[in-house]
């Protein structure tokens, strides 16, 4: 209720109080003799609302207007709260979608990286297999080359040894013939007797030492064989033979003597 609604009752109340005080003062002034005045009881006053019909309608309209304003304010607040809720929900949904999108992208990236790592691993494994195959092929080639070289070397050594053996045998035949020409068989020599001598030579053909390594059982026969070698003393033929032939066959020459023959 507005201030104007209280103005008229207030004026009426004040007027009544003024009238009461006025009558009391007039009554006191009219009497000269003092007399006991009965103390009046306290006056109770209150504002009496006097509202015309048009003013009540105005007040009701004002109250309705306030109610409408409050309702509109509440509606605006409700709408604002709903708008904020929808905005928050929209932001939440957007954030959720962005999160899901990031997760999908992260998974896709991880899968691409995994596939790339797998591809590189496979390439490395393939390269390693090729390298191993190349190494194995190279090793096999080297082994075949070595085997071929070894075979050629063995063949060359075989032919060289065979040739050296043939050369050595030719010199042995010459040496044996010279020893046989200087050998005087003792009367006690019999068929089947055999003595093996070890003759030590130097490249000049000089006899350094001669010794019996396998006796015939007849000392006279053994001594005759030793003396036959010592009589020669030097085999000049040795000087002309290749050094490798001399080293392998004649530095330590073994000769076998028999009554019917003289053989290596």
Protein backbone atom coordinates (compact mmCIF):
# COMPACT_ATOMS: atom_id res chain seq x y z
CA UNK A 1 0.00 0.00 0.00
CA UNK A 2 1.40 3.47 -1.01
CA UNK A 3 1.93 6.61 1.12
CA UNK A 4 -1.07 8.36 -0.50
CA UNK A 5 -3.32 5.65 0.87
CA UNK A 6 -2.37 6.67 4.43
CA UNK A 7 -2.59 10.46 3.99
CA UNK A 8 -6.33 10.90 4.52
CA UNK A 9 -6.64 8.69 7.62
CA UNK A 10 -3.64 10.45 9.12
CA UNK A 11 -5.18 13.87 8.57
CA UNK A 12 -8.44 12.69 10.14
CA UNK A 13 -6.65 11.27 13.16
CA UNK A 14 -4.66 14.46 13.74
CA UNK A 15 -7.82 16.55 13.41
CA UNK A 16 -9.60 14.49 16.06
CA UNK A 17 -6.67 14.86 18.46
CA UNK A 18 -6.60 18.60 17.90
CA UNK A 19 -10.33 18.85 18.55
CA UNK A 20 -10.08 16.92 21.81
CA UNK A 21 -7.23 19.08 23.05
CA UNK A 22 -9.12 22.21 22.03
CA UNK A 23 -12.22 21.26 24.05
CA UNK A 24 -10.15 20.43 27.09
CA UNK A 25 -8.36 23.76 26.96
CA UNK A 26 -11.66 25.70 26.56
CA UNK A 27 -13.24 23.96 29.52
CA UNK A 28 -10.21 24.72 31.72
CA UNK A 29 -10.22 28.39 30.71
CA UNK A 30 -13.97 28.89 31.48
CA UNK A 31 -13.67 27.94 35.16
CA UNK A 32 -11.77 30.25 37.49
CA UNK A 33 -12.01 28.16 40.52
CA UNK A 34 -9.79 25.26 40.61
CA UNK A 35 -11.47 22.04 40.85
CA UNK A 36 -10.34 18.61 40.72
CA UNK A 37 -10.42 17.41 37.27
CA UNK A 38 -10.88 13.79 36.76
CA UNK A 39 -7.95 12.46 34.86
CA UNK A 40 -9.19 11.07 31.63
CA UNK A 41 -8.24 7.68 30.53
CA UNK A 42 -5.64 7.36 27.89
CA UNK A 43 -6.91 8.04 24.44
CA UNK A 44 -6.40 5.28 21.99
CA UNK A 45 -6.00 6.37 18.42
CA UNK A 46 -5.35 4.45 15.31
CA UNK A 47 -5.21 5.17 11.67
CA UNK A 48 -8.44 4.41 10.01
CA UNK A 49 -8.12 3.47 6.49
CA UNK A 50 -10.59 5.14 4.27
CA UNK A 51 -10.20 3.91 0.79
CA UNK A 52 -12.56 4.87 -1.93
CA UNK A 53 -13.53 2.25 -4.46
CA UNK A 54 -11.45 3.77 -7.22
CA UNK A 55 -8.42 3.94 -4.92
CA UNK A 56 -8.92 0.29 -3.91
CA UNK A 57 -9.01 -0.63 -7.54
CA UNK A 58 -5.86 1.36 -8.10
CA UNK A 59 -4.20 -0.34 -5.18
CA UNK A 60 -5.31 -3.73 -6.41
CA UNK A 61 -4.03 -2.85 -9.87
CA UNK A 62 -0.75 -1.71 -8.33
CA UNK A 63 -0.52 -4.91 -6.31
CA UNK A 64 -1.33 -6.95 -9.41
CA UNK A 65 1.28 -4.99 -11.29
CA UNK A 66 3.84 -5.79 -8.60
CA UNK A 67 2.78 -9.43 -8.73
CA UNK A 68 3.03 -9.40 -12.51
CA UNK A 69 6.44 -7.77 -12.31
CA UNK A 70 7.58 -10.35 -9.82
CA UNK A 71 6.20 -13.14 -12.01
CA UNK A 72 7.87 -11.66 -15.08
CA UNK A 73 11.09 -11.29 -13.08
CA UNK A 74 10.80 -14.89 -11.90
CA UNK A 75 10.04 -15.97 -15.46
CA UNK A 76 13.07 -14.06 -16.72
CA UNK A 77 15.19 -15.60 -13.99
CA UNK A 78 13.78 -19.03 -14.84
CA UNK A 79 14.47 -18.45 -18.51
CA UNK A 80 17.96 -17.16 -17.71
CA UNK A 81 18.63 -20.19 -15.52
CA UNK A 82 17.30 -22.46 -18.28
CA UNK A 83 19.45 -20.63 -20.82
CA UNK A 84 22.53 -21.05 -18.61
CA UNK A 85 21.63 -24.71 -18.05
CA UNK A 86 21.23 -25.27 -21.77
CA UNK A 87 24.46 -23.38 -22.42
CA UNK A 88 26.28 -25.47 -19.82
CA UNK A 89 24.76 -28.63 -21.27
CA UNK A 90 25.77 -27.51 -24.75
CA UNK A 91 29.30 -26.78 -23.52
CA UNK A 92 29.38 -30.16 -21.75
CA UNK A 93 28.26 -31.95 -24.90
CA UNK A 94 30.75 -29.96 -26.97
CA UNK A 95 33.54 -30.75 -24.51
CA UNK A 96 32.52 -34.44 -24.52
CA UNK A 97 32.55 -34.50 -28.31
CA UNK A 98 35.92 -32.76 -28.40
CA UNK A 99 37.26 -35.27 -25.86
CA UNK A 100 35.91 -38.18 -27.89
CA UNK A 101 37.38 -36.62 -31.04
CA UNK A 102 40.79 -36.25 -29.34
CA UNK A 103 40.57 -39.83 -28.14
CA UNK A 104 39.73 -41.04 -31.65
CA UNK A 105 42.57 -38.99 -33.10
CA UNK A 106 44.96 -40.29 -30.42
CA UNK A 107 43.90 -43.88 -31.14
CA UNK A 108 44.23 -43.30 -34.87
CA UNK A 109 47.66 -41.75 -34.36
CA UNK A 110 48.74 -44.61 -32.11
CA UNK A 111 47.50 -47.10 -34.70
CA UNK A 112 49.37 -45.27 -37.47
CA UNK A 113 52.51 -45.23 -35.35
CA UNK A 114 52.08 -48.93 -34.57
CA UNK A 115 51.62 -49.75 -38.23
CA UNK A 116 54.62 -47.59 -39.15
CA UNK A 117 56.73 -49.27 -36.48
CA UNK A 118 55.54 -52.68 -37.71
CA UNK A 119 56.36 -51.70 -41.30
CA UNK A 120 59.83 -50.52 -40.31
CA UNK A 121 60.34 -53.69 -38.28
CA UNK A 122 59.34 -55.82 -41.26
CA UNK A 123 61.63 -53.80 -43.53
CA UNK A 124 64.48 -54.21 -41.07
CA UNK A 125 63.81 -57.93 -40.78
CA UNK A 126 63.68 -58.23 -44.58
CA UNK A 127 66.90 -56.22 -44.89
CA UNK A 128 68.50 -58.40 -42.23
CA UNK A 129 67.39 -61.54 -44.06
CA UNK A 130 68.79 -60.17 -47.31
CA UNK A 131 72.02 -59.27 -45.56
CA UNK A 132 72.24 -62.73 -44.01
CA UNK A 133 71.52 -64.31 -47.37
CA UNK A 134 74.17 -62.13 -49.00
CA UNK A 135 76.64 -63.00 -46.24
CA UNK A 136 75.78 -66.67 -46.57
CA UNK A 137 76.14 -66.50 -50.36
CA UNK A 138 79.44 -64.65 -49.98
CA UNK A 139 80.60 -67.18 -47.40
CA UNK A 140 79.64 -70.03 -49.71
CA UNK A 141 81.43 -68.31 -52.59
CA UNK A 142 84.53 -67.86 -50.42
CA UNK A 143 84.33 -71.46 -49.26
CA UNK A 144 83.98 -72.67 -52.85
CA UNK A 145 86.88 -70.45 -53.85
CA UNK A 146 88.94 -71.76 -50.96
CA UNK A 147 87.99 -75.33 -51.81
CA UNK A 148 88.93 -74.72 -55.42
CA UNK A 149 92.20 -73.09 -54.42
CA UNK A 150 92.87 -75.90 -51.98
CA UNK A 151 92.09 -78.49 -54.62
CA UNK A 152 94.33 -76.70 -57.09
CA UNK A 153 97.00 -76.38 -54.43
CA UNK A 154 96.70 -80.02 -53.49
CA UNK A 155 96.79 -80.98 -57.12
CA UNK A 156 99.80 -78.77 -57.67
CA UNK A 157 101.42 -80.18 -54.57
CA UNK A 158 100.60 -83.67 -55.72
CA UNK A 159 102.09 -83.09 -59.13
CA UNK A 160 105.01 -81.26 -57.55
CA UNK A 161 105.54 -84.09 -55.07
CA UNK A 162 105.16 -86.63 -57.83
CA UNK A 163 107.60 -84.72 -59.95
CA UNK A 164 109.94 -84.29 -56.98
CA UNK A 165 109.63 -88.00 -56.27
CA UNK A 166 110.52 -88.81 -59.84
CA UNK A 167 113.45 -86.41 -59.70
CA UNK A 168 114.54 -87.79 -56.35
CA UNK A 169 114.26 -91.35 -57.59
CA UNK A 170 116.45 -90.52 -60.54
CA UNK A 171 119.12 -89.16 -58.19
CA UNK A 172 118.70 -92.15 -55.87
CA UNK A 173 119.31 -94.45 -58.80
CA UNK A 174 122.54 -92.61 -59.58
CA UNK A 175 123.65 -92.66 -55.93
CA UNK A 176 122.73 -96.32 -55.54
CA UNK A 177 124.67 -97.21 -58.65
CA UNK A 178 127.78 -95.43 -57.33
CA UNK A 179 127.44 -97.13 -53.92
CA UNK A 180 126.92 -100.51 -55.55
CA UNK A 181 130.08 -99.99 -57.64
CA UNK A 182 132.02 -99.29 -54.42
CA UNK A 183 130.48 -102.07 -52.33
CA UNK A 184 132.43 -105.21 -51.67
CA UNK A 185 130.06 -107.90 -50.50
CA UNK A 186 131.58 -109.98 -47.71
CA UNK A 187 131.75 -113.74 -48.14
CA UNK A 188 129.23 -114.16 -45.33
CA UNK A 189 126.56 -112.28 -47.26
CA UNK A 190 123.55 -114.42 -47.95
CA UNK A 191 120.34 -113.97 -49.79
CA UNK A 192 117.69 -112.32 -47.70
CA UNK A 193 120.09 -110.20 -45.65
CA UNK A 194 119.05 -106.55 -45.41
CA UNK A 195 120.62 -103.53 -43.73
CA UNK A 196 119.13 -100.03 -43.69
CA UNK A 197 121.53 -97.06 -43.54
CA UNK A 198 120.81 -93.43 -42.67
CA UNK A 199 123.06 -91.14 -44.72
CA UNK A 200 123.29 -87.47 -43.74
CA UNK A 201 124.24 -85.14 -46.59
CA UNK A 202 124.73 -81.40 -47.12
CA UNK A 203 123.76 -79.52 -50.31
CA UNK A 204 127.29 -79.93 -51.69
CA UNK A 205 126.79 -83.71 -51.65
CA UNK A 206 129.30 -84.23 -48.86
CA UNK A 207 128.55 -87.23 -46.62
CA UNK A 208 128.37 -85.91 -43.05
CA UNK A 209 127.45 -89.15 -41.34
CA UNK A 210 126.33 -92.68 -42.07
CA UNK A 211 124.83 -95.08 -39.54
CA UNK A 212 123.03 -98.41 -39.38
CA UNK A 213 119.39 -97.93 -38.39
CA UNK A 214 118.24 -101.50 -39.10
CA UNK A 215 120.88 -104.23 -38.85
CA UNK A 216 120.95 -107.31 -41.02
CA UNK A 217 122.16 -109.43 -38.13
CA UNK A 218 125.55 -109.85 -39.76
CA UNK A 219 128.08 -107.27 -38.58
CA UNK A 220 130.43 -107.88 -41.53
CA UNK A 221 127.56 -107.27 -43.92
CA UNK A 222 126.59 -104.09 -42.08
CA UNK A 223 130.18 -102.76 -42.04
CA UNK A 224 130.62 -103.46 -45.76
CA UNK A 225 127.59 -101.34 -46.54
CA UNK A 226 128.82 -98.45 -44.36
CA UNK A 227 132.30 -98.61 -45.93
CA UNK A 228 130.81 -98.50 -49.41
CA UNK A 229 129.18 -95.13 -48.61
CA UNK A 230 132.28 -93.73 -46.91
CA UNK A 231 134.48 -94.61 -49.87
CA UNK A 232 132.47 -92.30 -52.05
CA UNK A 233 132.54 -89.48 -49.44
CA UNK A 234 130.82 -86.96 -51.74
CA UNK A 235 127.93 -87.27 -54.17
CA UNK A 236 128.47 -84.41 -56.63
CA UNK A 237 125.15 -85.16 -58.32
CA UNK A 238 123.33 -83.67 -55.32
CA UNK A 239 124.64 -80.21 -56.15
CA UNK A 240 122.50 -80.01 -59.29
CA UNK A 241 119.15 -81.05 -57.79
CA UNK A 242 116.47 -78.50 -56.73
CA UNK A 243 116.77 -77.39 -53.12
CA UNK A 244 113.26 -78.54 -52.17
CA UNK A 245 114.03 -81.98 -53.54
CA UNK A 246 117.22 -82.11 -51.51
CA UNK A 247 115.51 -80.93 -48.32
CA UNK A 248 112.64 -83.40 -48.61
CA UNK A 249 114.62 -86.48 -49.74
CA UNK A 250 118.39 -86.24 -49.40
CA UNK A 251 119.35 -84.36 -46.28
CA UNK A 252 118.43 -87.54 -44.43
CA UNK A 253 118.67 -90.34 -47.01
CA UNK A 254 117.67 -93.89 -46.11
CA UNK A 255 119.13 -96.70 -48.20
CA UNK A 256 118.32 -100.40 -48.00
CA UNK A 257 121.14 -102.86 -48.86
CA UNK A 258 120.52 -106.42 -50.01
CA UNK A 259 123.02 -108.98 -51.37
CA UNK A 260 121.18 -109.25 -54.65
CA UNK A 261 120.31 -105.57 -54.98
CA UNK A 262 120.66 -102.03 -53.64
CA UNK A 263 117.42 -100.17 -53.34
CA UNK A 264 115.91 -97.10 -51.65
